[in-house]
Amino acid sequence: MTASTKQITEAALKLPGHDRLQVATAIWKSFGASEDSVADLDALARSHELETGKVAPKTQAEVFKKARAVLK
């Protein structure tokens, strides 16, 4: 790894999670990634948020209740 690559990597890793995801997505897309694989990055980020307790999971009942309210 070159010195500049190392600096960029270290700086990117210091970013908040959402910003790191945006950087990772931009890099991934630069390799010609499909929208499905980009969605996988979003799913990984969401999984990490759940595992670390940053967000609380919702039950199916909660999700459908909210969806029905929005569709009324």
N, C-alpha and C. Protein backbone atom coordinates (compact mmCIF):
# COMPACT_ATOMS: atom_id res chain seq x y z
N MET A 1 0.86 -1.17 0.00
CA MET A 1 0.00 0.00 0.00
C MET A 1 0.91 1.24 0.00
N THR A 2 0.64 2.15 -0.91
CA THR A 2 1.43 3.37 -0.97
C THR A 2 1.08 4.28 0.21
N ALA A 3 1.95 5.25 0.47
CA ALA A 3 1.72 6.18 1.58
C ALA A 3 0.41 6.95 1.39
N SER A 4 0.16 7.40 0.17
CA SER A 4 -1.07 8.18 -0.07
C SER A 4 -2.31 7.29 0.08
N THR A 5 -2.22 6.04 -0.37
CA THR A 5 -3.34 5.12 -0.22
C THR A 5 -3.60 4.86 1.25
N LYS A 6 -2.54 4.71 2.01
CA LYS A 6 -2.68 4.48 3.45
C LYS A 6 -3.33 5.69 4.12
N GLN A 7 -2.93 6.89 3.73
CA GLN A 7 -3.51 8.11 4.31
C GLN A 7 -4.99 8.22 3.99
N ILE A 8 -5.33 7.94 2.74
CA ILE A 8 -6.73 8.01 2.32
C ILE A 8 -7.56 6.98 3.09
N THR A 9 -7.03 5.77 3.21
CA THR A 9 -7.74 4.71 3.92
C THR A 9 -7.95 5.09 5.38
N GLU A 10 -6.90 5.58 6.03
CA GLU A 10 -7.02 5.98 7.43
C GLU A 10 -8.03 7.11 7.61
N ALA A 11 -8.02 8.07 6.70
CA ALA A 11 -8.98 9.18 6.77
C ALA A 11 -10.40 8.68 6.57
N ALA A 12 -10.58 7.78 5.61
CA ALA A 12 -11.92 7.25 5.34
C ALA A 12 -12.46 6.47 6.53
N LEU A 13 -11.60 5.73 7.19
CA LEU A 13 -12.04 4.93 8.33
C LEU A 13 -12.39 5.77 9.55
N LYS A 14 -11.96 7.00 9.58
CA LYS A 14 -12.31 7.91 10.67
C LYS A 14 -13.67 8.59 10.46
N LEU A 15 -14.22 8.46 9.26
CA LEU A 15 -15.52 9.07 8.96
C LEU A 15 -16.63 8.38 9.72
N PRO A 16 -17.73 9.09 9.97
CA PRO A 16 -18.91 8.43 10.56
C PRO A 16 -19.40 7.32 9.64
N GLY A 17 -20.11 6.36 10.21
CA GLY A 17 -20.55 5.20 9.46
C GLY A 17 -21.27 5.50 8.16
N HIS A 18 -22.20 6.45 8.19
CA HIS A 18 -22.96 6.78 6.97
C HIS A 18 -22.03 7.31 5.88
N ASP A 19 -21.09 8.15 6.27
CA ASP A 19 -20.15 8.70 5.28
C ASP A 19 -19.23 7.62 4.73
N ARG A 20 -18.81 6.69 5.59
CA ARG A 20 -17.97 5.58 5.12
C ARG A 20 -18.74 4.74 4.10
N LEU A 21 -20.03 4.54 4.37
CA LEU A 21 -20.85 3.78 3.43
C LEU A 21 -20.94 4.49 2.08
N GLN A 22 -21.07 5.81 2.10
CA GLN A 22 -21.12 6.57 0.84
C GLN A 22 -19.81 6.43 0.06
N VAL A 23 -18.69 6.50 0.78
CA VAL A 23 -17.38 6.36 0.12
C VAL A 23 -17.25 4.94 -0.45
N ALA A 24 -17.61 3.94 0.35
CA ALA A 24 -17.52 2.55 -0.10
C ALA A 24 -18.40 2.31 -1.33
N THR A 25 -19.60 2.88 -1.30
CA THR A 25 -20.52 2.73 -2.43
C THR A 25 -19.95 3.37 -3.69
N ALA A 26 -19.39 4.56 -3.56
CA ALA A 26 -18.80 5.25 -4.72
C ALA A 26 -17.65 4.44 -5.30
N ILE A 27 -16.82 3.90 -4.44
CA ILE A 27 -15.70 3.08 -4.92
C ILE A 27 -16.22 1.81 -5.57
N TRP A 28 -17.18 1.17 -4.93
CA TRP A 28 -17.76 -0.07 -5.46
C TRP A 28 -18.38 0.18 -6.84
N LYS A 29 -19.11 1.29 -6.98
CA LYS A 29 -19.73 1.62 -8.27
C LYS A 29 -18.67 1.90 -9.34
N SER A 30 -17.51 2.44 -8.93
CA SER A 30 -16.46 2.74 -9.90
C SER A 30 -15.91 1.47 -10.55
N PHE A 31 -16.15 0.32 -9.93
CA PHE A 31 -15.74 -0.96 -10.49
C PHE A 31 -16.84 -1.57 -11.34
N GLY A 32 -17.93 -0.84 -11.53
CA GLY A 32 -19.03 -1.32 -12.36
C GLY A 32 -20.01 -2.19 -11.60
N ALA A 33 -20.10 -1.99 -10.31
CA ALA A 33 -21.00 -2.80 -9.50
C ALA A 33 -22.46 -2.58 -9.90
N SER A 34 -23.23 -3.63 -9.80
CA SER A 34 -24.66 -3.55 -10.11
C SER A 34 -25.40 -2.91 -8.95
N GLU A 35 -26.62 -2.48 -9.21
CA GLU A 35 -27.44 -1.91 -8.15
C GLU A 35 -27.73 -2.94 -7.06
N ASP A 36 -27.84 -4.22 -7.46
CA ASP A 36 -28.07 -5.27 -6.46
C ASP A 36 -26.90 -5.37 -5.49
N SER A 37 -25.68 -5.28 -6.01
CA SER A 37 -24.53 -5.39 -5.11
C SER A 37 -24.40 -4.15 -4.24
N VAL A 38 -24.82 -2.99 -4.76
CA VAL A 38 -24.82 -1.77 -3.95
C VAL A 38 -25.86 -1.92 -2.83
N ALA A 39 -26.99 -2.54 -3.14
CA ALA A 39 -28.01 -2.78 -2.12
C ALA A 39 -27.46 -3.71 -1.04
N ASP A 40 -26.57 -4.62 -1.43
CA ASP A 40 -25.94 -5.50 -0.45
C ASP A 40 -25.12 -4.69 0.56
N LEU A 41 -24.46 -3.64 0.09
CA LEU A 41 -23.70 -2.77 1.00
C LEU A 41 -24.63 -2.11 2.01
N ASP A 42 -25.77 -1.65 1.53
CA ASP A 42 -26.76 -1.04 2.43
C ASP A 42 -27.26 -2.06 3.46
N ALA A 43 -27.48 -3.28 3.01
CA ALA A 43 -27.95 -4.33 3.92
C ALA A 43 -26.89 -4.64 4.97
N LEU A 44 -25.62 -4.68 4.57
CA LEU A 44 -24.55 -4.91 5.54
C LEU A 44 -24.48 -3.79 6.57
N ALA A 45 -24.64 -2.57 6.12
CA ALA A 45 -24.62 -1.43 7.04
C ALA A 45 -25.78 -1.52 8.02
N ARG A 46 -26.96 -1.87 7.53
CA ARG A 46 -28.13 -2.01 8.40
C ARG A 46 -27.93 -3.13 9.41
N SER A 47 -27.35 -4.24 8.95
CA SER A 47 -27.08 -5.36 9.84
C SER A 47 -26.13 -4.95 10.95
N HIS A 48 -25.12 -4.19 10.59
CA HIS A 48 -24.16 -3.70 11.59
C HIS A 48 -24.85 -2.80 12.61
N GLU A 49 -25.73 -1.94 12.15
CA GLU A 49 -26.47 -1.05 13.06
C GLU A 49 -27.31 -1.86 14.04
N LEU A 50 -27.92 -2.92 13.57
CA LEU A 50 -28.72 -3.77 14.44
C LEU A 50 -27.85 -4.51 15.45
N GLU A 51 -26.73 -5.05 14.97
CA GLU A 51 -25.83 -5.82 15.84
C GLU A 51 -25.21 -4.96 16.94
N THR A 52 -24.91 -3.72 16.64
CA THR A 52 -24.27 -2.85 17.61
C THR A 52 -25.27 -2.12 18.50
N GLY A 53 -26.55 -2.30 18.22
CA GLY A 53 -27.57 -1.65 19.04
C GLY A 53 -27.82 -0.20 18.69
N LYS A 54 -27.26 0.24 17.58
CA LYS A 54 -27.47 1.63 17.16
C LYS A 54 -28.94 1.87 16.81
N VAL A 55 -29.58 0.86 16.26
CA VAL A 55 -31.01 0.93 15.97
C VAL A 55 -31.69 -0.30 16.56
N ALA A 56 -32.95 -0.18 16.86
CA ALA A 56 -33.72 -1.31 17.41
C ALA A 56 -34.49 -1.99 16.29
N PRO A 57 -34.56 -3.31 16.33
CA PRO A 57 -35.34 -4.00 15.30
C PRO A 57 -36.82 -3.75 15.48
N LYS A 58 -37.57 -3.88 14.41
CA LYS A 58 -39.02 -3.71 14.46
C LYS A 58 -39.67 -5.04 14.12
N THR A 59 -40.78 -5.29 14.74
CA THR A 59 -41.51 -6.52 14.45
C THR A 59 -42.26 -6.36 13.13
N GLN A 60 -42.67 -7.49 12.59
CA GLN A 60 -43.46 -7.47 11.36
C GLN A 60 -44.75 -6.68 11.59
N ALA A 61 -45.35 -6.86 12.74
CA ALA A 61 -46.60 -6.15 13.05
C ALA A 61 -46.39 -4.64 13.03
N GLU A 62 -45.27 -4.17 13.60
CA GLU A 62 -44.99 -2.73 13.61
C GLU A 62 -44.81 -2.19 12.20
N VAL A 63 -44.09 -2.93 11.38
CA VAL A 63 -43.83 -2.50 10.00
C VAL A 63 -45.13 -2.42 9.21
N PHE A 64 -45.96 -3.45 9.31
CA PHE A 64 -47.20 -3.47 8.55
C PHE A 64 -48.19 -2.42 9.06
N LYS A 65 -48.22 -2.19 10.36
CA LYS A 65 -49.09 -1.15 10.92
C LYS A 65 -48.72 0.20 10.35
N LYS A 66 -47.44 0.50 10.32
CA LYS A 66 -46.99 1.78 9.77
C LYS A 66 -47.29 1.87 8.27
N ALA A 67 -47.08 0.77 7.55
CA ALA A 67 -47.34 0.77 6.11
C ALA A 67 -48.83 1.02 5.83
N ARG A 68 -49.69 0.36 6.61
CA ARG A 68 -51.13 0.56 6.41
C ARG A 68 -51.53 2.01 6.68
N ALA A 69 -50.93 2.61 7.71
CA ALA A 69 -51.25 4.00 8.04
C ALA A 69 -50.82 4.94 6.92
N VAL A 70 -49.69 4.65 6.30
CA VAL A 70 -49.20 5.50 5.22
C VAL A 70 -50.08 5.35 3.98
N LEU A 71 -50.58 4.17 3.76
CA LEU A 71 -51.39 3.90 2.55
C LEU A 71 -52.83 4.37 2.65
N LYS A 72 -53.27 4.76 3.82
CA LYS A 72 -54.66 5.23 3.99
C LYS A 72 -54.90 6.53 3.28
